[in-house]
Amino acid sequence: MKFMQFWWCLIVLATGAVGLPAYAELPPSVASALKNAGIPAQNVAVFVQAVEGSSPILSHNADKSMNPASVMKLVTTNAALDLLTPSYRWKTEVYRDGTVADGVLQGNLIIKGYGDPSFKAQDFWRMLMSVQQTGITKIQGDLVLDKSYFSQQVGPRKTFDDETWRAYNAEPSALLVNGRNTSFKFVATEAEVNVSQEFELSEIQIINRMKPAKGACGEWRSRFGYTVTQQANGAVVTFNGTYAPDCGERYLELSVFDDEKYAFYTFKKLWRQLGGSFAGKLKTQDVTTQILNSQAVKILAQYSEPLAYVEREINKWSNNLMARQLLLTIGAEKSGAPASEEKGSVAIKDWLASKTLNGQSLAASELVIENGSGLSRIERMNAQHLGRMLLSAYISPVMPEFMASMPILAQDGTIQKRLKESPVAHHAHLKTGSINGVSAIAGYVLDANNHRHVLVMMVNHANAGASKNAQDALIEWVHQQP
């Protein structure tokens, strides 16, 4: 093993000193882990280069177009920081189309969204409290939602897989509240299993047929199922199966309402909690003409946290819906509303083509962006182009914000439990990606002498889910570089 490490050192020194082509063979520890997982080397792409280096120290199938899964979020978020700036904020506007007297709005309350991916229930509460502070406590008309900033979906709801109600399958919206996500909490005793909503909406009825199980928690999610039944004014969610007390508190996120209904039900709950009165209905329409003709009067505009903060939730916890919202925002800001995924994709491709590294363009002809989140079967990029983008990002003005958005190895986000006992723990910022048949990891790794390297590894194979040990071996190999 010492001989092999010495041999690799000679290769690294030669590559860095005279600019020889990167070594294409995988390090022995990585190759061995892939063999044990039943993954051929031809189904793996790797790119490693020191950020101050002029050429990669390892390049294996790096020009092969592959599905990057959620690692694609690095492309979307890096482009957003550069194109929109880290201080970019989304707005949500509130209008009225009637007069106000003695606290009563004789007309409709209008909410116009601009795609804020981070608009939570507490933000909605704060906005409605501000509305009441302007003197409105009773609404005689309806609630009108304007979602025209994003292109409207035509046809049935699209889903990535057959888990129709899972939160990751929710579609983007210009007015997205809580990611229209209902989080169901599970807690068990020896006698019963309790299922409750984290943010309770009365329109959701839970039928709990769960029974406590004995023993270790294990694969808790595989031990129960659920059904969602839509009703005229709500939904019924039925849970069947078992849950062990050993599991403690666990959560299942479902999206049982569309964006309009979720926003409407949340509005009614919060408005009444604030002491307001409302008995109207839900309407959805584009009010741009009313605004231009002064038929709708702006009450206020509320702004999100800066993009630099929002991106941390996207990358550290791999939030697919937020990444999709971000791609649409890029498209709207660069090509005008209504936003579309095509506009966002074109903007990012043009952005990459406009940038250079060591005099060479970052254009990626193989790049395919469907929704910007990586939750896709058709998104593509090769390891070399992703690696070169990361190298460029490291010397860009937005590098601190970009790196801060990525999970820290063995510390937080999606890699908080990986390599905890390894010397490389806390010495890497890495984004993971995983869907059936795809596993990827990319980001920055510090070596033992605190020299930072870009690392990209993509695996496209039926056994990709078993490539974690190979990825970890590559991370440790980079950390051991002289």
Protein backbone atom coordinates (compact mmCIF):
# COMPACT_ATOMS: atom_id res chain seq x y z
CA MET A 1 0.00 0.00 0.00
CA LYS A 2 2.86 2.40 0.82
CA PHE A 3 4.38 1.64 -2.57
CA MET A 4 1.07 2.44 -4.28
CA GLN A 5 0.77 5.75 -2.40
CA PHE A 6 4.36 6.63 -3.40
CA TRP A 7 3.54 5.75 -7.00
CA TRP A 8 0.49 8.01 -6.95
CA CYS A 9 2.59 10.85 -5.49
CA LEU A 10 4.98 10.58 -8.45
CA ILE A 11 2.03 10.81 -10.85
CA VAL A 12 0.63 13.84 -9.06
CA LEU A 13 3.99 15.60 -9.02
CA ALA A 14 4.59 14.86 -12.69
CA THR A 15 1.13 16.04 -13.68
CA GLY A 16 1.43 19.28 -11.77
CA ALA A 17 5.02 19.95 -12.82
CA VAL A 18 4.92 19.38 -16.55
CA GLY A 19 1.22 19.44 -17.37
CA LEU A 20 0.91 15.80 -18.44
CA PRO A 21 -2.59 14.43 -19.08
CA ALA A 22 -4.44 13.38 -15.95
CA TYR A 23 -4.20 9.74 -14.95
CA ALA A 24 -7.28 7.89 -16.18
CA GLU A 25 -7.09 4.81 -13.93
CA LEU A 26 -9.01 5.02 -10.68
CA PRO A 27 -7.10 4.86 -7.38
CA PRO A 28 -6.89 1.25 -6.11
CA SER A 29 -9.15 1.90 -3.11
CA VAL A 30 -11.85 3.36 -5.36
CA ALA A 31 -11.55 0.63 -7.97
CA SER A 32 -11.79 -2.04 -5.27
CA ALA A 33 -14.92 -0.49 -3.72
CA LEU A 34 -16.58 -0.29 -7.14
CA LYS A 35 -15.73 -3.92 -7.86
CA ASN A 36 -17.25 -4.98 -4.55
CA ALA A 37 -20.41 -3.04 -5.44
CA GLY A 38 -20.64 -4.69 -8.84
CA ILE A 39 -20.18 -1.41 -10.73
CA PRO A 40 -17.98 -1.44 -13.87
CA ALA A 41 -15.45 1.40 -14.15
CA GLN A 42 -16.97 2.32 -17.51
CA ASN A 43 -20.13 3.44 -15.68
CA VAL A 44 -18.20 5.88 -13.52
CA ALA A 45 -16.89 9.38 -14.28
CA VAL A 46 -14.36 11.16 -12.06
CA PHE A 47 -12.66 14.54 -12.22
CA VAL A 48 -10.20 15.84 -9.58
CA GLN A 49 -8.10 19.00 -9.81
CA ALA A 50 -6.42 21.30 -7.30
CA VAL A 51 -8.05 24.74 -7.38
CA GLU A 52 -4.64 26.32 -8.03
CA GLY A 53 -3.62 23.62 -10.52
CA SER A 54 -3.52 23.97 -14.27
CA SER A 55 -4.74 20.46 -15.07
CA PRO A 56 -6.59 17.61 -13.35
CA ILE A 57 -4.71 15.01 -11.31
CA LEU A 58 -7.40 12.43 -12.04
CA SER A 59 -9.72 12.30 -15.05
CA HIS A 60 -11.67 9.11 -15.68
CA ASN A 61 -14.44 9.16 -18.29
CA ALA A 62 -14.63 12.87 -17.47
CA ASP A 63 -15.94 13.78 -20.91
CA LYS A 64 -18.77 11.22 -20.76
CA SER A 65 -22.25 12.75 -20.56
CA MET A 66 -24.01 11.39 -17.47
CA ASN A 67 -27.05 11.95 -15.29
CA PRO A 68 -25.83 13.97 -12.26
CA ALA A 69 -29.01 13.63 -10.14
CA SER A 70 -29.18 16.35 -7.47
CA VAL A 71 -25.60 17.45 -8.10
CA MET A 72 -27.24 19.48 -10.88
CA LYS A 73 -28.33 21.86 -8.12
CA LEU A 74 -24.74 23.12 -8.00
CA VAL A 75 -25.12 24.39 -11.56
CA THR A 76 -28.46 26.06 -10.84
CA THR A 77 -27.38 27.69 -7.58
CA ASN A 78 -23.99 28.86 -8.89
CA ALA A 79 -25.64 30.43 -11.92
CA ALA A 80 -28.26 32.10 -9.71
CA LEU A 81 -25.64 33.69 -7.45
CA ASP A 82 -23.83 35.08 -10.47
CA LEU A 83 -26.87 36.14 -12.51
CA LEU A 84 -29.16 37.37 -9.71
CA THR A 85 -26.49 38.28 -7.07
CA PRO A 86 -26.38 36.91 -3.49
CA SER A 87 -28.54 39.80 -2.25
CA TYR A 88 -31.46 39.01 -4.57
CA ARG A 89 -34.81 38.84 -2.76
CA TRP A 90 -38.17 37.56 -3.93
CA LYS A 91 -41.25 39.69 -3.33
CA THR A 92 -44.86 38.86 -2.59
CA GLU A 93 -47.34 41.71 -3.12
CA VAL A 94 -50.76 42.34 -1.59
CA TYR A 95 -53.45 44.49 -3.29
CA ARG A 96 -57.09 45.38 -2.73
CA ASP A 97 -59.70 46.18 -5.38
CA GLY A 98 -62.20 47.93 -3.12
CA THR A 99 -62.46 50.63 -0.49
CA VAL A 100 -61.79 50.28 3.22
CA ALA A 101 -64.01 51.77 5.89
CA ASP A 102 -64.10 50.99 9.61
CA GLY A 103 -61.76 48.04 9.07
CA VAL A 104 -63.94 46.48 6.38
CA LEU A 105 -62.59 45.85 2.86
CA GLN A 106 -65.50 46.20 0.42
CA GLY A 107 -63.86 44.08 -2.22
CA ASN A 108 -61.25 41.38 -2.78
CA LEU A 109 -57.86 40.85 -1.21
CA ILE A 110 -55.30 40.04 -3.91
CA ILE A 111 -51.99 38.27 -3.37
CA LYS A 112 -49.50 38.28 -6.27
CA GLY A 113 -46.59 35.88 -6.08
CA TYR A 114 -43.19 36.13 -7.73
CA GLY A 115 -41.92 32.61 -7.10
CA ASP A 116 -40.47 32.90 -3.59
CA PRO A 117 -39.21 29.35 -2.86
CA SER A 118 -38.86 30.05 0.87
CA PHE A 119 -42.31 31.48 1.66
CA LYS A 120 -43.22 29.65 4.86
CA ALA A 121 -46.37 29.77 7.00
CA GLN A 122 -44.64 32.15 9.41
CA ASP A 123 -43.88 34.52 6.52
CA PHE A 124 -47.53 34.34 5.47
CA TRP A 125 -48.56 35.10 9.07
CA ARG A 126 -46.24 38.12 9.19
CA MET A 127 -47.58 39.41 5.87
CA LEU A 128 -51.21 39.08 6.95
CA MET A 129 -50.45 40.77 10.25
CA SER A 130 -49.02 43.68 8.25
CA VAL A 131 -52.22 43.76 6.18
CA GLN A 132 -54.29 44.06 9.34
CA GLN A 133 -51.99 46.81 10.58
CA THR A 134 -53.00 48.85 7.52
CA GLY A 135 -56.55 48.85 8.88
CA ILE A 136 -58.20 45.81 7.29
CA THR A 137 -59.78 43.29 9.66
CA LYS A 138 -62.80 42.12 7.67
CA ILE A 139 -62.89 41.12 4.01
CA GLN A 140 -66.27 41.27 2.31
CA GLY A 141 -65.02 39.87 -0.98
CA ASP A 142 -62.86 36.91 -2.01
CA LEU A 143 -59.20 35.94 -1.90
CA VAL A 144 -57.64 36.35 -5.35
CA LEU A 145 -54.32 34.64 -6.09
CA ASP A 146 -52.20 35.84 -9.00
CA LYS A 147 -49.69 33.19 -10.13
CA SER A 148 -49.06 34.61 -13.58
CA TYR A 149 -45.33 35.24 -13.01
CA PHE A 150 -44.74 31.54 -13.78
CA SER A 151 -46.13 29.74 -16.81
CA GLN A 152 -49.19 27.76 -15.87
CA GLN A 153 -49.08 23.98 -16.18
CA VAL A 154 -51.45 22.56 -18.77
CA GLY A 155 -52.73 19.02 -18.40
CA PRO A 156 -52.41 16.51 -15.57
CA ARG A 157 -49.90 16.89 -12.77
CA LYS A 158 -46.46 15.57 -13.69
CA THR A 159 -44.61 13.34 -11.24
CA PHE A 160 -41.11 11.90 -11.22
CA ASP A 161 -42.28 8.50 -10.02
CA ASP A 162 -45.43 6.73 -8.83
CA GLU A 163 -45.23 8.36 -5.38
CA THR A 164 -47.78 10.93 -6.52
CA TRP A 165 -48.35 12.54 -3.13
CA ARG A 166 -44.75 12.80 -1.94
CA ALA A 167 -43.60 16.38 -1.37
CA TYR A 168 -40.68 16.08 -3.81
CA ASN A 169 -43.21 15.58 -6.62
CA ALA A 170 -44.93 18.93 -5.99
CA GLU A 171 -44.95 21.27 -9.00
CA PRO A 172 -43.51 24.83 -8.83
CA SER A 173 -45.78 27.84 -8.37
CA ALA A 174 -45.38 31.60 -8.40
CA LEU A 175 -47.26 31.56 -5.08
CA LEU A 176 -45.87 28.65 -3.11
CA VAL A 177 -46.70 28.46 0.61
CA ASN A 178 -44.69 26.02 2.78
CA GLY A 179 -43.73 24.18 -0.38
CA ARG A 180 -47.39 23.08 -0.07
CA ASN A 181 -45.94 20.45 2.18
CA THR A 182 -47.81 18.72 5.00
CA SER A 183 -45.40 17.06 7.41
CA PHE A 184 -46.93 14.11 9.26
CA LYS A 185 -45.23 13.27 12.56
CA PHE A 186 -45.12 9.69 13.88
CA VAL A 187 -44.58 8.85 17.55
CA ALA A 188 -45.29 5.49 19.18
CA THR A 189 -45.65 4.02 22.64
CA GLU A 190 -46.06 0.37 23.52
CA ALA A 191 -49.82 0.88 23.31
CA GLU A 192 -50.42 3.15 20.32
CA VAL A 193 -49.04 5.12 17.39
CA ASN A 194 -49.80 8.83 17.19
CA VAL A 195 -49.92 10.55 13.80
CA SER A 196 -50.29 14.33 13.65
CA GLN A 197 -49.67 17.31 11.36
CA GLU A 198 -46.74 19.60 12.13
CA PHE A 199 -48.64 22.59 10.68
CA GLU A 200 -52.24 21.57 11.12
CA LEU A 201 -54.87 22.34 8.53
CA SER A 202 -58.42 21.44 9.49
CA GLU A 203 -59.14 20.52 5.88
CA ILE A 204 -56.91 17.44 6.29
CA GLN A 205 -58.49 14.51 8.10
CA ILE A 206 -56.20 11.76 9.38
CA ILE A 207 -57.47 8.20 9.68
CA ASN A 208 -54.92 6.40 11.83
CA ARG A 209 -54.89 2.62 11.54
CA MET A 210 -51.28 2.27 12.61
CA LYS A 211 -50.26 -0.26 15.24
CA PRO A 212 -47.12 -0.28 17.41
CA ALA A 213 -44.39 -2.74 16.46
CA LYS A 214 -41.80 -4.37 18.69
CA GLY A 215 -38.07 -4.33 18.17
CA ALA A 216 -35.65 -1.99 16.43
CA CYS A 217 -36.75 0.82 14.15
CA GLY A 218 -35.04 -0.58 11.06
CA GLU A 219 -36.54 0.33 7.69
CA TRP A 220 -39.42 2.18 9.33
CA ARG A 221 -40.80 3.68 6.14
CA SER A 222 -41.32 0.30 4.48
CA ARG A 223 -43.56 -0.89 7.31
CA PHE A 224 -46.59 1.22 6.54
CA GLY A 225 -48.55 2.70 3.66
CA TYR A 226 -50.96 5.53 3.09
CA THR A 227 -53.78 6.58 0.80
CA VAL A 228 -54.98 10.09 -0.04
CA THR A 229 -58.62 10.70 -0.87
CA GLN A 230 -59.52 14.09 -2.30
CA GLN A 231 -62.80 15.69 -1.22
CA ALA A 232 -64.61 18.88 -2.24
CA ASN A 233 -63.27 20.88 0.71
CA GLY A 234 -60.27 18.91 1.87
CA ALA A 235 -58.59 15.54 1.87
CA VAL A 236 -58.52 12.36 3.92
CA VAL A 237 -55.16 10.69 4.56
CA THR A 238 -55.33 7.10 5.81
CA PHE A 239 -52.30 5.37 7.34
CA ASN A 240 -52.04 1.58 7.64
CA GLY A 241 -49.20 -0.50 9.03
CA THR A 242 -46.82 -0.60 11.99
CA TYR A 243 -44.36 1.77 13.66
CA ALA A 244 -41.91 0.95 16.45
CA PRO A 245 -41.42 3.08 19.61
CA ASP A 246 -37.68 2.65 18.99
CA CYS A 247 -38.01 5.01 16.00
CA GLY A 248 -38.69 8.04 18.19
CA GLU A 249 -40.09 10.93 16.12
CA ARG A 250 -40.10 10.48 12.36
CA TYR A 251 -41.71 12.53 9.61
CA LEU A 252 -43.33 11.90 6.24
CA GLU A 253 -43.82 14.88 3.93
CA LEU A 254 -46.79 14.75 1.59
CA SER A 255 -48.30 17.27 -0.81
CA VAL A 256 -52.02 16.51 -0.69
CA PHE A 257 -53.32 19.85 -2.04
CA ASP A 258 -52.48 21.88 -5.11
CA ASP A 259 -50.76 25.23 -4.63
CA GLU A 260 -54.00 27.24 -4.74
CA LYS A 261 -55.90 25.21 -2.17
CA TYR A 262 -52.92 24.96 0.17
CA ALA A 263 -52.45 28.75 0.07
CA PHE A 264 -56.20 29.32 0.54
CA TYR A 265 -56.56 26.97 3.51
CA THR A 266 -53.44 28.44 5.12
CA PHE A 267 -54.75 31.97 4.57
CA LYS A 268 -58.07 31.19 6.26
CA LYS A 269 -56.35 29.58 9.25
CA LEU A 270 -53.87 32.42 9.79
CA TRP A 271 -56.31 35.26 9.06
CA ARG A 272 -58.73 33.99 11.67
CA GLN A 273 -55.96 33.35 14.18
CA LEU A 274 -55.09 37.04 13.81
CA GLY A 275 -58.68 37.96 14.59
CA GLY A 276 -59.75 38.72 11.05
CA SER A 277 -63.10 37.94 9.42
CA PHE A 278 -63.45 36.29 6.03
CA ALA A 279 -66.27 34.31 4.43
CA GLY A 280 -65.33 34.57 0.77
CA LYS A 281 -64.13 32.13 -1.84
CA LEU A 282 -60.90 31.40 -3.67
CA LYS A 283 -60.26 32.91 -7.09
CA THR A 284 -57.20 32.68 -9.32
CA GLN A 285 -56.52 35.26 -12.02
CA ASP A 286 -53.93 37.53 -13.58
CA VAL A 287 -54.49 41.00 -12.13
CA THR A 288 -51.78 42.77 -14.12
CA THR A 289 -54.31 44.82 -16.08
CA GLN A 290 -56.11 45.86 -12.89
CA ILE A 291 -52.82 46.98 -11.40
CA LEU A 292 -51.83 48.95 -14.50
CA ASN A 293 -55.25 50.62 -14.61
CA SER A 294 -55.09 51.43 -10.88
CA GLN A 295 -58.15 49.28 -10.25
CA ALA A 296 -56.09 47.35 -7.72
CA VAL A 297 -54.32 49.33 -4.99
CA LYS A 298 -51.08 47.98 -3.53
CA ILE A 299 -51.23 47.50 0.22
CA LEU A 300 -47.72 46.20 0.79
CA ALA A 301 -44.86 44.09 -0.54
CA GLN A 302 -43.01 41.55 1.57
CA TYR A 303 -39.51 40.37 0.70
CA SER A 304 -37.74 37.07 1.28
CA GLU A 305 -34.36 36.42 2.86
CA PRO A 306 -31.46 37.04 0.43
CA LEU A 307 -30.68 34.38 -2.16
CA ALA A 308 -27.42 33.52 -0.36
CA TYR A 309 -29.46 32.32 2.65
CA VAL A 310 -32.11 30.55 0.59
CA GLU A 311 -29.51 28.55 -1.34
CA ARG A 312 -28.28 26.92 1.86
CA GLU A 313 -31.60 25.13 2.25
CA ILE A 314 -31.53 24.11 -1.41
CA ASN A 315 -28.05 22.57 -1.35
CA LYS A 316 -27.56 21.43 2.23
CA TRP A 317 -30.84 19.51 2.28
CA SER A 318 -31.23 18.99 -1.49
CA ASN A 319 -34.64 20.65 -1.77
CA ASN A 320 -35.91 19.80 -5.25
CA LEU A 321 -38.91 22.11 -5.36
CA MET A 322 -36.89 25.13 -4.23
CA ALA A 323 -34.31 24.42 -6.93
CA ARG A 324 -37.07 24.27 -9.53
CA GLN A 325 -38.44 27.59 -8.29
CA LEU A 326 -34.93 29.05 -8.62
CA LEU A 327 -34.53 27.92 -12.23
CA LEU A 328 -37.86 29.54 -13.11
CA THR A 329 -36.82 32.74 -11.33
CA ILE A 330 -33.64 32.88 -13.42
CA GLY A 331 -35.72 32.44 -16.55
CA ALA A 332 -38.16 35.21 -15.61
CA GLU A 333 -35.43 37.66 -14.60
CA LYS A 334 -33.40 37.11 -17.76
CA SER A 335 -36.12 36.60 -20.39
CA GLY A 336 -39.21 38.11 -18.79
CA ALA A 337 -42.40 36.69 -17.34
CA PRO A 338 -44.04 34.28 -17.52
CA ALA A 339 -41.18 32.10 -16.40
CA SER A 340 -40.56 28.71 -17.98
CA GLU A 341 -38.02 25.96 -17.47
CA GLU A 342 -36.83 26.47 -21.05
CA LYS A 343 -36.06 30.14 -20.36
CA GLY A 344 -34.11 29.16 -17.24
CA SER A 345 -32.19 26.46 -19.10
CA VAL A 346 -31.22 28.84 -21.91
CA ALA A 347 -30.10 31.48 -19.40
CA ILE A 348 -27.80 29.03 -17.61
CA LYS A 349 -26.31 27.65 -20.84
CA ASP A 350 -25.65 31.19 -22.07
CA TRP A 351 -24.12 32.07 -18.70
CA LEU A 352 -21.72 29.10 -18.85
CA ALA A 353 -20.78 29.89 -22.44
CA SER A 354 -19.95 33.47 -21.46
CA LYS A 355 -17.46 32.42 -18.77
CA THR A 356 -13.87 31.29 -19.24
CA LEU A 357 -11.26 29.46 -17.18
CA ASN A 358 -7.61 29.73 -18.19
CA GLY A 359 -8.74 31.22 -21.47
CA GLN A 360 -11.12 28.38 -22.31
CA SER A 361 -14.91 28.67 -22.41
CA LEU A 362 -17.02 26.85 -19.83
CA ALA A 363 -19.63 26.07 -22.48
CA ALA A 364 -21.02 22.55 -22.03
CA SER A 365 -22.56 21.27 -25.25
CA GLU A 366 -23.81 18.08 -23.57
CA LEU A 367 -25.64 19.97 -20.79
CA VAL A 368 -29.34 19.12 -20.52
CA ILE A 369 -31.43 20.98 -17.93
CA GLU A 370 -35.01 19.85 -17.50
CA ASN A 371 -35.91 21.47 -14.18
CA GLY A 372 -32.59 22.40 -12.52
CA SER A 373 -33.05 20.14 -9.51
CA GLY A 374 -31.64 16.86 -10.78
CA LEU A 375 -34.94 15.09 -10.12
CA SER A 376 -34.98 14.07 -13.75
CA ARG A 377 -34.20 11.18 -16.04
CA ILE A 378 -32.96 13.37 -18.88
CA GLU A 379 -30.68 15.96 -17.23
CA ARG A 380 -27.07 15.51 -18.31
CA MET A 381 -23.60 16.95 -17.77
CA ASN A 382 -20.09 15.52 -17.85
CA ALA A 383 -17.69 15.46 -14.90
CA GLN A 384 -15.09 17.64 -16.59
CA HIS A 385 -17.47 20.50 -17.32
CA LEU A 386 -18.98 20.35 -13.85
CA GLY A 387 -15.48 20.29 -12.38
CA ARG A 388 -14.36 23.27 -14.45
CA MET A 389 -17.46 25.18 -13.34
CA LEU A 390 -16.51 24.47 -9.72
CA LEU A 391 -12.96 25.65 -10.39
CA SER A 392 -14.32 28.86 -11.89
CA ALA A 393 -16.72 29.33 -8.99
CA TYR A 394 -13.84 29.11 -6.53
CA ILE A 395 -12.15 32.18 -8.00
CA SER A 396 -15.40 34.10 -8.48
CA PRO A 397 -16.78 36.91 -6.27
CA VAL A 398 -19.63 34.66 -5.11
CA MET A 399 -17.36 31.83 -3.91
CA PRO A 400 -18.02 32.39 -0.15
CA GLU A 401 -21.79 32.26 -0.59
CA PHE A 402 -21.60 29.29 -2.95
CA MET A 403 -19.41 27.18 -0.68
CA ALA A 404 -21.46 28.11 2.37
CA SER A 405 -24.53 26.64 0.71
CA MET A 406 -22.97 23.17 0.46
CA PRO A 407 -23.07 20.46 3.14
CA ILE A 408 -19.95 20.08 5.29
CA LEU A 409 -18.69 16.51 5.46
CA ALA A 410 -19.60 14.75 8.72
CA GLN A 411 -21.17 17.92 10.05
CA ASP A 412 -24.45 18.93 8.41
CA GLY A 413 -26.85 18.52 5.53
CA THR A 414 -27.08 15.33 3.49
CA ILE A 415 -23.52 14.21 4.43
CA GLN A 416 -23.63 14.83 8.15
CA LYS A 417 -23.27 11.11 8.94
CA ARG A 418 -20.54 10.27 6.44
CA LEU A 419 -16.86 9.64 7.29
CA LYS A 420 -17.30 10.90 10.85
CA GLU A 421 -14.22 9.02 12.09
CA SER A 422 -12.05 9.83 9.08
CA PRO A 423 -9.28 12.47 9.02
CA VAL A 424 -11.17 14.13 6.15
CA ALA A 425 -14.21 14.82 8.38
CA HIS A 426 -15.09 18.55 8.35
CA HIS A 427 -12.55 19.12 5.54
CA ALA A 428 -14.92 19.02 2.57
CA HIS A 429 -17.92 20.88 1.15
CA LEU A 430 -19.82 18.37 -0.98
CA LYS A 431 -23.20 18.05 -2.67
CA THR A 432 -24.70 14.60 -3.13
CA GLY A 433 -27.19 13.34 -5.68
CA SER A 434 -29.16 10.12 -5.79
CA ILE A 435 -32.03 8.65 -7.80
CA ASN A 436 -32.58 5.06 -8.91
CA GLY A 437 -29.61 4.09 -11.04
CA VAL A 438 -27.68 7.30 -10.31
CA SER A 439 -25.38 8.37 -7.50
CA ALA A 440 -23.11 11.40 -7.61
CA ILE A 441 -21.05 13.67 -5.40
CA ALA A 442 -19.24 16.92 -6.18
CA GLY A 443 -17.63 19.86 -4.44
CA TYR A 444 -14.42 20.81 -2.67
CA VAL A 445 -12.02 18.74 -0.55
CA LEU A 446 -9.04 19.95 1.48
CA ASP A 447 -5.97 17.75 1.40
CA ALA A 448 -3.79 17.11 4.45
CA ASN A 449 -1.78 20.28 3.70
CA ASN A 450 -4.91 22.45 3.38
CA HIS A 451 -4.76 22.67 -0.40
CA ARG A 452 -8.27 22.60 -1.82
CA HIS A 453 -9.30 20.31 -4.69
CA VAL A 454 -12.40 20.10 -6.84
CA LEU A 455 -13.91 16.61 -6.82
CA VAL A 456 -16.63 15.24 -9.08
CA MET A 457 -17.79 11.62 -9.21
CA MET A 458 -20.85 10.34 -11.09
CA VAL A 459 -22.10 6.77 -11.22
CA ASN A 460 -24.80 5.72 -13.71
CA HIS A 461 -25.54 2.04 -13.16
CA ALA A 462 -28.25 -0.19 -11.72
CA ASN A 463 -26.04 -0.65 -8.61
CA ALA A 464 -25.26 3.06 -8.27
CA GLY A 465 -26.85 3.13 -4.82
CA ALA A 466 -24.04 0.87 -3.58
CA SER A 467 -21.27 3.29 -4.70
CA LYS A 468 -21.10 5.21 -1.40
CA ASN A 469 -17.96 3.36 -0.25
CA ALA A 470 -16.24 4.15 -3.54
CA GLN A 471 -17.17 7.82 -3.20
CA ASP A 472 -15.84 7.88 0.35
CA ALA A 473 -12.62 6.21 -0.81
CA LEU A 474 -12.15 8.91 -3.46
CA ILE A 475 -12.75 11.68 -0.90
CA GLU A 476 -10.13 10.16 1.41
CA TRP A 477 -7.72 9.69 -1.49
CA VAL A 478 -7.97 13.38 -2.38
CA HIS A 479 -7.46 14.32 1.27
CA GLN A 480 -4.24 12.25 1.31
CA GLN A 481 -2.70 14.10 -1.64
CA PRO A 482 0.70 15.70 -0.91
